[in-house]
């Protein structure tokens, strides 16, 4: 695994994409994955915007069994937190319809999670299996890992998804349980999650499977900064990659926008659309993006949203370093650690 520095908004340790290529069975699959990553790199570096989104985030419901301190679900008094207090869910038939359209227009990658916990959804395994049958290059979820008992682990392994990321953000149980907790706090949660992940890895290996590749994530917070090295030492030999992230600070500005406004821009709308559990479509996966509406799956096709004047103007705004023209984008960049 590569050495890393926690001085960027996000940093991945581990050659997870090379592993994916190495583990794919056919030369056609390898070729398609390489082409997908090449398109992703070109779009994310503002070299080319394609005729379709490369990646889709699909929040199939807005349910999570956790209420983490830094998550909207754990902040029920905020505007966004209140949205998560009423259950919203995309019907299974509509999800299949979206997946079919994604395949038809050329989408390469689908993630079945935004703020929700995908393993809490009763249809998740059927949805994942249907999606992988369509031969997308990348199908993955982000999970807190707390529900991944052996029964669910076997079902998840049977879906043939390519990746799963487990959100941990701590090495010590006390730190983990300070920020990550169920709605009714339960002791021993950290050990349960850690053991679930390790058992899942062992089960995958025992069954002779290469996929899903497994990544654990660590959001850098003031209270866990001294745990990074221990976290790295423990997980590096067990997982396929570690994802280090800087948390968007919703309270404090981190960037003097007037000084840097002609030097910073967001690339997310170059390659992705994010579908929320109520059907609304956003241009990105971060909190401030919740304030920006570009379409709705019950009113618009993904193709029409991607090619709409609203969305094309939004993409050009970022391309031209004019993020300050959208108040939500301006706030996001001001409150993000970009260095």
Protein backbone atom coordinates (compact mmCIF):
# COMPACT_ATOMS: atom_id res chain seq x y z
CA UNK A 1 0.00 0.00 0.00
CA UNK A 2 1.09 3.52 -0.78
CA UNK A 3 2.21 5.96 1.86
CA UNK A 4 -0.28 8.74 2.52
CA UNK A 5 -0.64 12.27 3.84
CA UNK A 6 -3.80 13.52 5.47
CA UNK A 7 -3.57 16.96 3.89
CA UNK A 8 -6.27 16.55 1.25
CA UNK A 9 -10.04 16.31 1.48
CA UNK A 10 -9.85 12.63 0.60
CA UNK A 11 -6.99 10.18 0.29
CA UNK A 12 -7.09 6.47 -0.53
CA UNK A 13 -4.34 4.14 0.62
CA UNK A 14 -4.26 0.95 -1.39
CA UNK A 15 -4.35 0.15 -5.10
CA UNK A 16 -7.99 -0.83 -5.12
CA UNK A 17 -8.58 -0.13 -8.81
CA UNK A 18 -5.52 -2.12 -9.88
CA UNK A 19 -6.72 -4.99 -7.68
CA UNK A 20 -10.10 -4.82 -9.37
CA UNK A 21 -8.48 -5.12 -12.79
CA UNK A 22 -6.26 -7.98 -11.64
CA UNK A 23 -9.18 -9.93 -10.18
CA UNK A 24 -11.62 -9.52 -13.07
CA UNK A 25 -11.94 -12.79 -14.98
CA UNK A 26 -12.09 -11.83 -18.65
CA UNK A 27 -10.02 -9.53 -20.82
CA UNK A 28 -13.19 -7.74 -21.88
CA UNK A 29 -14.07 -6.99 -18.24
CA UNK A 30 -10.56 -5.69 -17.61
CA UNK A 31 -10.70 -3.52 -20.74
CA UNK A 32 -14.10 -2.08 -19.79
CA UNK A 33 -12.95 -1.28 -16.26
CA UNK A 34 -9.80 0.47 -17.49
CA UNK A 35 -11.90 2.52 -19.92
CA UNK A 36 -14.32 3.42 -17.11
CA UNK A 37 -11.51 4.64 -14.86
CA UNK A 38 -9.98 6.58 -17.75
CA UNK A 39 -13.31 8.34 -18.33
CA UNK A 40 -13.65 9.03 -14.62
CA UNK A 41 -10.16 10.57 -14.50
CA UNK A 42 -10.82 12.76 -17.54
CA UNK A 43 -14.15 13.98 -16.18
CA UNK A 44 -12.88 14.61 -12.64
CA UNK A 45 -9.92 16.57 -14.02
CA UNK A 46 -12.15 18.76 -16.25
CA UNK A 47 -10.70 17.31 -19.46
CA UNK A 48 -14.00 15.96 -20.79
CA UNK A 49 -17.67 15.79 -19.87
CA UNK A 50 -19.41 12.76 -21.36
CA UNK A 51 -22.93 12.45 -22.76
CA UNK A 52 -24.06 10.59 -19.64
CA UNK A 53 -23.15 10.44 -15.95
CA UNK A 54 -20.33 7.99 -15.30
CA UNK A 55 -21.52 7.41 -11.75
CA UNK A 56 -24.90 7.35 -9.99
CA UNK A 57 -25.57 7.52 -6.25
CA UNK A 58 -28.88 5.84 -5.46
CA UNK A 59 -30.31 6.30 -1.98
CA UNK A 60 -33.03 3.64 -2.05
CA UNK A 61 -34.44 4.81 1.29
CA UNK A 62 -33.52 7.33 3.98
CA UNK A 63 -33.28 4.84 6.84
CA UNK A 64 -30.25 4.22 9.04
CA UNK A 65 -30.00 2.32 12.32
CA UNK A 66 -27.25 4.76 13.42
CA UNK A 67 -27.53 8.41 14.43
CA UNK A 68 -23.89 9.56 14.19
CA UNK A 69 -22.99 12.93 15.67
CA UNK A 70 -21.76 14.40 12.37
CA UNK A 71 -24.60 13.02 10.23
CA UNK A 72 -27.98 14.69 9.51
CA UNK A 73 -29.78 11.75 11.15
CA UNK A 74 -27.85 12.51 14.33
CA UNK A 75 -28.79 16.18 14.08
CA UNK A 76 -32.64 15.97 14.12
CA UNK A 77 -33.12 19.68 14.85
CA UNK A 78 -31.42 20.81 11.63
CA UNK A 79 -33.34 21.35 8.39
CA UNK A 80 -31.73 18.34 6.75
CA UNK A 81 -32.04 16.25 9.91
CA UNK A 82 -35.81 16.80 9.97
CA UNK A 83 -36.04 15.43 6.42
CA UNK A 84 -34.77 12.09 7.68
CA UNK A 85 -37.39 11.80 10.43
CA UNK A 86 -40.08 10.73 7.95
CA UNK A 87 -39.45 7.51 6.05
CA UNK A 88 -38.95 7.82 2.31
CA UNK A 89 -38.28 4.92 -0.04
CA UNK A 90 -38.04 4.35 -3.78
CA UNK A 91 -40.23 1.36 -4.77
CA UNK A 92 -38.29 -1.70 -5.93
CA UNK A 93 -39.87 -1.60 -9.40
CA UNK A 94 -38.76 2.03 -9.83
CA UNK A 95 -35.24 1.12 -8.72
CA UNK A 96 -35.09 -1.59 -11.40
CA UNK A 97 -36.35 0.96 -13.94
CA UNK A 98 -33.55 3.36 -12.93
CA UNK A 99 -30.95 0.60 -13.15
CA UNK A 100 -32.18 -0.32 -16.64
CA UNK A 101 -31.93 3.31 -17.76
CA UNK A 102 -28.45 3.61 -16.27
CA UNK A 103 -27.32 0.65 -18.35
CA UNK A 104 -29.04 1.98 -21.45
CA UNK A 105 -27.40 5.44 -21.34
CA UNK A 106 -23.89 4.22 -20.47
CA UNK A 107 -23.49 4.64 -16.69
CA UNK A 108 -20.48 2.68 -15.43
CA UNK A 109 -20.79 2.83 -11.65
CA UNK A 110 -23.62 2.75 -9.10
CA UNK A 111 -23.39 3.25 -5.34
CA UNK A 112 -26.45 2.26 -3.31
CA UNK A 113 -25.95 4.58 -0.38
CA UNK A 114 -25.82 8.24 0.52
CA UNK A 115 -26.92 8.95 4.10
CA UNK A 116 -28.80 5.66 4.47
CA UNK A 117 -27.64 2.25 5.72
CA UNK A 118 -28.24 -0.04 2.72
CA UNK A 119 -28.19 -3.29 4.73
CA UNK A 120 -31.27 -2.07 6.63
CA UNK A 121 -33.36 -2.23 3.44
CA UNK A 122 -35.34 -5.44 2.93
CA UNK A 123 -34.81 -5.39 -0.86
CA UNK A 124 -31.10 -4.60 -0.92
CA UNK A 125 -29.79 -8.05 -1.85
CA UNK A 126 -32.30 -8.46 -4.67
CA UNK A 127 -31.50 -4.96 -5.92
CA UNK A 128 -27.75 -5.57 -5.83
CA UNK A 129 -28.05 -8.92 -7.60
CA UNK A 130 -30.22 -7.38 -10.31
CA UNK A 131 -27.70 -4.59 -10.78
CA UNK A 132 -24.66 -6.86 -11.08
CA UNK A 133 -26.53 -8.97 -13.63
CA UNK A 134 -26.48 -5.90 -15.88
CA UNK A 135 -22.65 -5.98 -15.94
CA UNK A 136 -21.85 -2.48 -14.71
CA UNK A 137 -18.14 -1.92 -14.18
CA UNK A 138 -18.57 -0.95 -10.51
CA UNK A 139 -21.39 -1.68 -8.04
CA UNK A 140 -20.81 -0.89 -4.39
CA UNK A 141 -22.25 0.18 -1.06
CA UNK A 142 -21.10 2.10 2.01
CA UNK A 143 -22.17 0.55 5.31
CA UNK A 144 -21.63 0.98 9.03
CA UNK A 145 -21.22 -2.80 9.26
CA UNK A 146 -23.36 -3.27 12.36
CA UNK A 147 -26.01 -5.40 10.63
CA UNK A 148 -23.57 -7.67 8.79
CA UNK A 149 -24.15 -10.95 10.59
CA UNK A 150 -23.27 -14.25 8.89
CA UNK A 151 -26.69 -14.59 7.23
CA UNK A 152 -26.45 -11.16 5.62
CA UNK A 153 -22.76 -11.70 4.83
CA UNK A 154 -23.57 -14.80 2.77
CA UNK A 155 -26.36 -12.97 0.94
CA UNK A 156 -24.07 -10.02 0.24
CA UNK A 157 -21.31 -12.25 -1.11
CA UNK A 158 -23.88 -13.86 -3.42
CA UNK A 159 -24.69 -10.48 -5.04
CA UNK A 160 -21.22 -10.24 -6.67
CA UNK A 161 -20.83 -6.51 -6.05
CA UNK A 162 -17.33 -5.17 -6.66
CA UNK A 163 -16.72 -3.15 -3.48
CA UNK A 164 -17.97 -2.33 -0.01
CA UNK A 165 -16.77 0.47 2.24
CA UNK A 166 -17.20 0.25 6.01
CA UNK A 167 -17.30 3.55 7.88
CA UNK A 168 -15.29 3.36 11.11
CA UNK A 169 -13.49 6.64 11.87
CA UNK A 170 -11.78 5.37 15.01
CA UNK A 171 -9.43 2.79 16.45
CA UNK A 172 -10.54 3.08 20.07
CA UNK A 173 -13.97 1.91 21.17
CA UNK A 174 -14.47 5.01 23.30
CA UNK A 175 -13.85 7.33 20.33
CA UNK A 176 -16.02 5.27 17.99
CA UNK A 177 -18.94 5.15 20.39
CA UNK A 178 -18.71 8.88 21.06
CA UNK A 179 -19.46 9.72 17.42
CA UNK A 180 -20.99 6.58 15.93
CA UNK A 181 -23.93 5.06 17.76
CA UNK A 182 -27.33 3.51 17.29
CA UNK A 183 -30.42 5.57 18.03
CA UNK A 184 -30.60 3.73 21.36
CA UNK A 185 -26.98 3.56 22.49
CA UNK A 186 -25.64 0.05 22.99
CA UNK A 187 -22.36 -0.88 24.69
CA UNK A 188 -19.81 -2.94 22.78
CA UNK A 189 -20.87 -1.62 19.39
CA UNK A 190 -17.33 -1.00 18.15
CA UNK A 191 -16.18 -4.55 18.88
CA UNK A 192 -19.30 -5.92 17.19
CA UNK A 193 -18.69 -3.87 14.02
CA UNK A 194 -14.98 -4.68 13.94
CA UNK A 195 -15.69 -8.40 14.33
CA UNK A 196 -18.40 -8.26 11.66
CA UNK A 197 -15.92 -6.81 9.17
CA UNK A 198 -13.17 -9.30 10.02
CA UNK A 199 -15.64 -12.21 9.88
CA UNK A 200 -16.87 -10.97 6.49
CA UNK A 201 -13.30 -10.83 5.15
CA UNK A 202 -12.61 -14.35 6.44
CA UNK A 203 -15.83 -15.68 4.94
CA UNK A 204 -15.07 -14.10 1.57
CA UNK A 205 -11.62 -15.65 1.58
CA UNK A 206 -12.87 -19.04 2.80
CA UNK A 207 -15.32 -19.18 -0.12
CA UNK A 208 -12.48 -18.38 -2.53
CA UNK A 209 -14.00 -15.10 -3.65
CA UNK A 210 -12.01 -12.02 -4.67
CA UNK A 211 -15.00 -9.67 -4.60
CA UNK A 212 -16.20 -7.53 -3.04
CA UNK A 213 -13.00 -5.64 -2.39
CA UNK A 214 -13.16 -4.16 1.09
CA UNK A 215 -12.30 -0.62 2.13
CA UNK A 216 -12.54 0.94 5.57
CA UNK A 217 -12.87 4.69 6.03
CA UNK A 218 -11.54 7.13 8.57
CA UNK A 219 -12.93 10.66 8.80
CA UNK A 220 -10.35 12.85 10.51
CA UNK A 221 -11.81 14.53 13.61
CA UNK A 222 -10.18 16.42 16.45
CA UNK A 223 -10.81 13.54 18.85
CA UNK A 224 -9.42 10.75 16.65
CA UNK A 225 -6.34 12.34 15.11
CA UNK A 226 -4.03 10.45 17.49
CA UNK A 227 -5.51 7.10 16.36
CA UNK A 228 -4.58 7.31 12.67
CA UNK A 229 -1.34 5.34 12.93
CA UNK A 230 -2.89 2.55 15.02
CA UNK A 231 -5.86 2.41 12.67
CA UNK A 232 -3.52 2.13 9.69
CA UNK A 233 -1.37 -0.58 11.27
CA UNK A 234 -4.38 -2.68 12.26
CA UNK A 235 -6.36 -2.51 8.99
CA UNK A 236 -3.62 -2.30 6.33
CA UNK A 237 -2.94 -6.03 6.35
CA UNK A 238 -6.64 -6.96 6.45
CA UNK A 239 -8.46 -4.82 3.88
CA UNK A 240 -7.91 -3.87 0.26
CA UNK A 241 -7.83 -0.12 0.87
CA UNK A 242 -8.21 2.57 3.51
CA UNK A 243 -10.09 5.78 2.75
CA UNK A 244 -9.00 8.83 4.75
CA UNK A 245 -11.27 11.87 4.61
CA UNK A 246 -11.50 15.40 5.90
CA UNK A 247 -14.91 16.19 7.35
CA UNK A 248 -16.75 19.15 5.88
CA UNK A 249 -16.90 21.67 8.72
CA UNK A 250 -20.45 23.07 8.70
CA UNK A 251 -19.64 25.55 11.49
CA UNK A 252 -16.31 27.08 10.51
CA UNK A 253 -15.08 28.50 7.22
CA UNK A 254 -11.82 26.90 6.15
CA UNK A 255 -11.23 28.77 2.90
CA UNK A 256 -11.06 32.49 2.16
CA UNK A 257 -13.20 32.27 -0.95
CA UNK A 258 -12.48 35.78 -2.20
CA UNK A 259 -8.77 34.99 -2.24
CA UNK A 260 -9.13 31.62 -4.00
CA UNK A 261 -12.38 31.87 -5.97
CA UNK A 262 -10.63 31.83 -9.35
CA UNK A 263 -8.54 28.81 -8.33
CA UNK A 264 -11.01 26.35 -6.80
CA UNK A 265 -13.92 24.49 -8.36
CA UNK A 266 -15.92 21.32 -7.80
CA UNK A 267 -15.73 18.44 -10.26
CA UNK A 268 -18.65 16.30 -9.02
CA UNK A 269 -21.20 17.41 -11.60
CA UNK A 270 -18.75 16.38 -14.33
CA UNK A 271 -19.36 12.70 -13.65
CA UNK A 272 -22.23 12.05 -11.22
CA UNK A 273 -25.87 12.43 -10.31
CA UNK A 274 -27.19 11.66 -6.83
CA UNK A 275 -30.72 10.33 -6.45
CA UNK A 276 -32.36 10.86 -3.08
CA UNK A 277 -34.98 8.60 -1.47
CA UNK A 278 -37.78 11.04 -2.37
CA UNK A 279 -36.79 10.92 -6.05
CA UNK A 280 -35.13 14.33 -6.16
CA UNK A 281 -31.85 14.43 -8.05
CA UNK A 282 -28.85 16.39 -6.79
CA UNK A 283 -25.57 17.24 -8.55
CA UNK A 284 -23.34 15.77 -5.82
CA UNK A 285 -23.23 13.59 -2.72
CA UNK A 286 -22.33 16.15 -0.03
CA UNK A 287 -24.56 17.93 2.47
CA UNK A 288 -24.69 21.32 0.78
CA UNK A 289 -25.77 19.62 -2.44
CA UNK A 290 -29.05 18.77 -0.71
CA UNK A 291 -30.04 22.37 -1.37
CA UNK A 292 -29.64 22.06 -5.15
CA UNK A 293 -32.38 20.42 -7.22
CA UNK A 294 -31.66 19.43 -10.82
CA UNK A 295 -34.56 17.04 -11.45
CA UNK A 296 -36.76 14.25 -10.13
CA UNK A 297 -36.86 10.61 -11.24
CA UNK A 298 -40.68 10.60 -11.21
CA UNK A 299 -40.78 13.53 -13.63
CA UNK A 300 -37.57 13.30 -15.66
CA UNK A 301 -35.34 10.62 -17.14
CA UNK A 302 -31.70 10.64 -16.06
CA UNK A 303 -30.72 11.39 -19.66
CA UNK A 304 -33.01 14.41 -19.76
CA UNK A 305 -31.68 15.68 -16.43
CA UNK A 306 -28.07 15.30 -17.59
CA UNK A 307 -28.77 17.20 -20.82
CA UNK A 308 -31.07 19.84 -19.33
CA UNK A 309 -30.14 23.51 -19.58
CA UNK A 310 -30.20 23.75 -15.77
CA UNK A 311 -27.60 21.02 -15.40
CA UNK A 312 -25.43 22.09 -18.34
CA UNK A 313 -25.34 25.64 -16.97
CA UNK A 314 -24.41 24.20 -13.58
CA UNK A 315 -21.54 22.19 -15.08
CA UNK A 316 -20.26 25.22 -17.03
CA UNK A 317 -20.39 27.36 -13.89
CA UNK A 318 -17.89 25.03 -12.23
CA UNK A 319 -15.83 24.62 -15.37
CA UNK A 320 -15.42 28.41 -15.51
CA UNK A 321 -14.44 28.78 -11.82
CA UNK A 322 -17.76 30.50 -11.03
CA UNK A 323 -18.78 28.32 -8.07
CA UNK A 324 -19.47 31.48 -6.06
CA UNK A 325 -22.56 32.12 -8.23
CA UNK A 326 -24.37 29.26 -6.49
CA UNK A 327 -24.76 30.01 -2.74
CA UNK A 328 -24.73 26.31 -1.77
CA UNK A 329 -21.59 25.56 -3.79
CA UNK A 330 -19.88 28.63 -2.37
CA UNK A 331 -20.67 27.53 1.19
CA UNK A 332 -19.48 23.99 0.47
CA UNK A 333 -16.11 25.13 -0.86
CA UNK A 334 -15.67 27.62 1.96
CA UNK A 335 -16.28 24.93 4.57
CA UNK A 336 -14.22 22.16 2.93
CA UNK A 337 -10.60 21.32 3.57
CA UNK A 338 -9.15 21.46 0.08
CA UNK A 339 -5.48 21.42 0.96
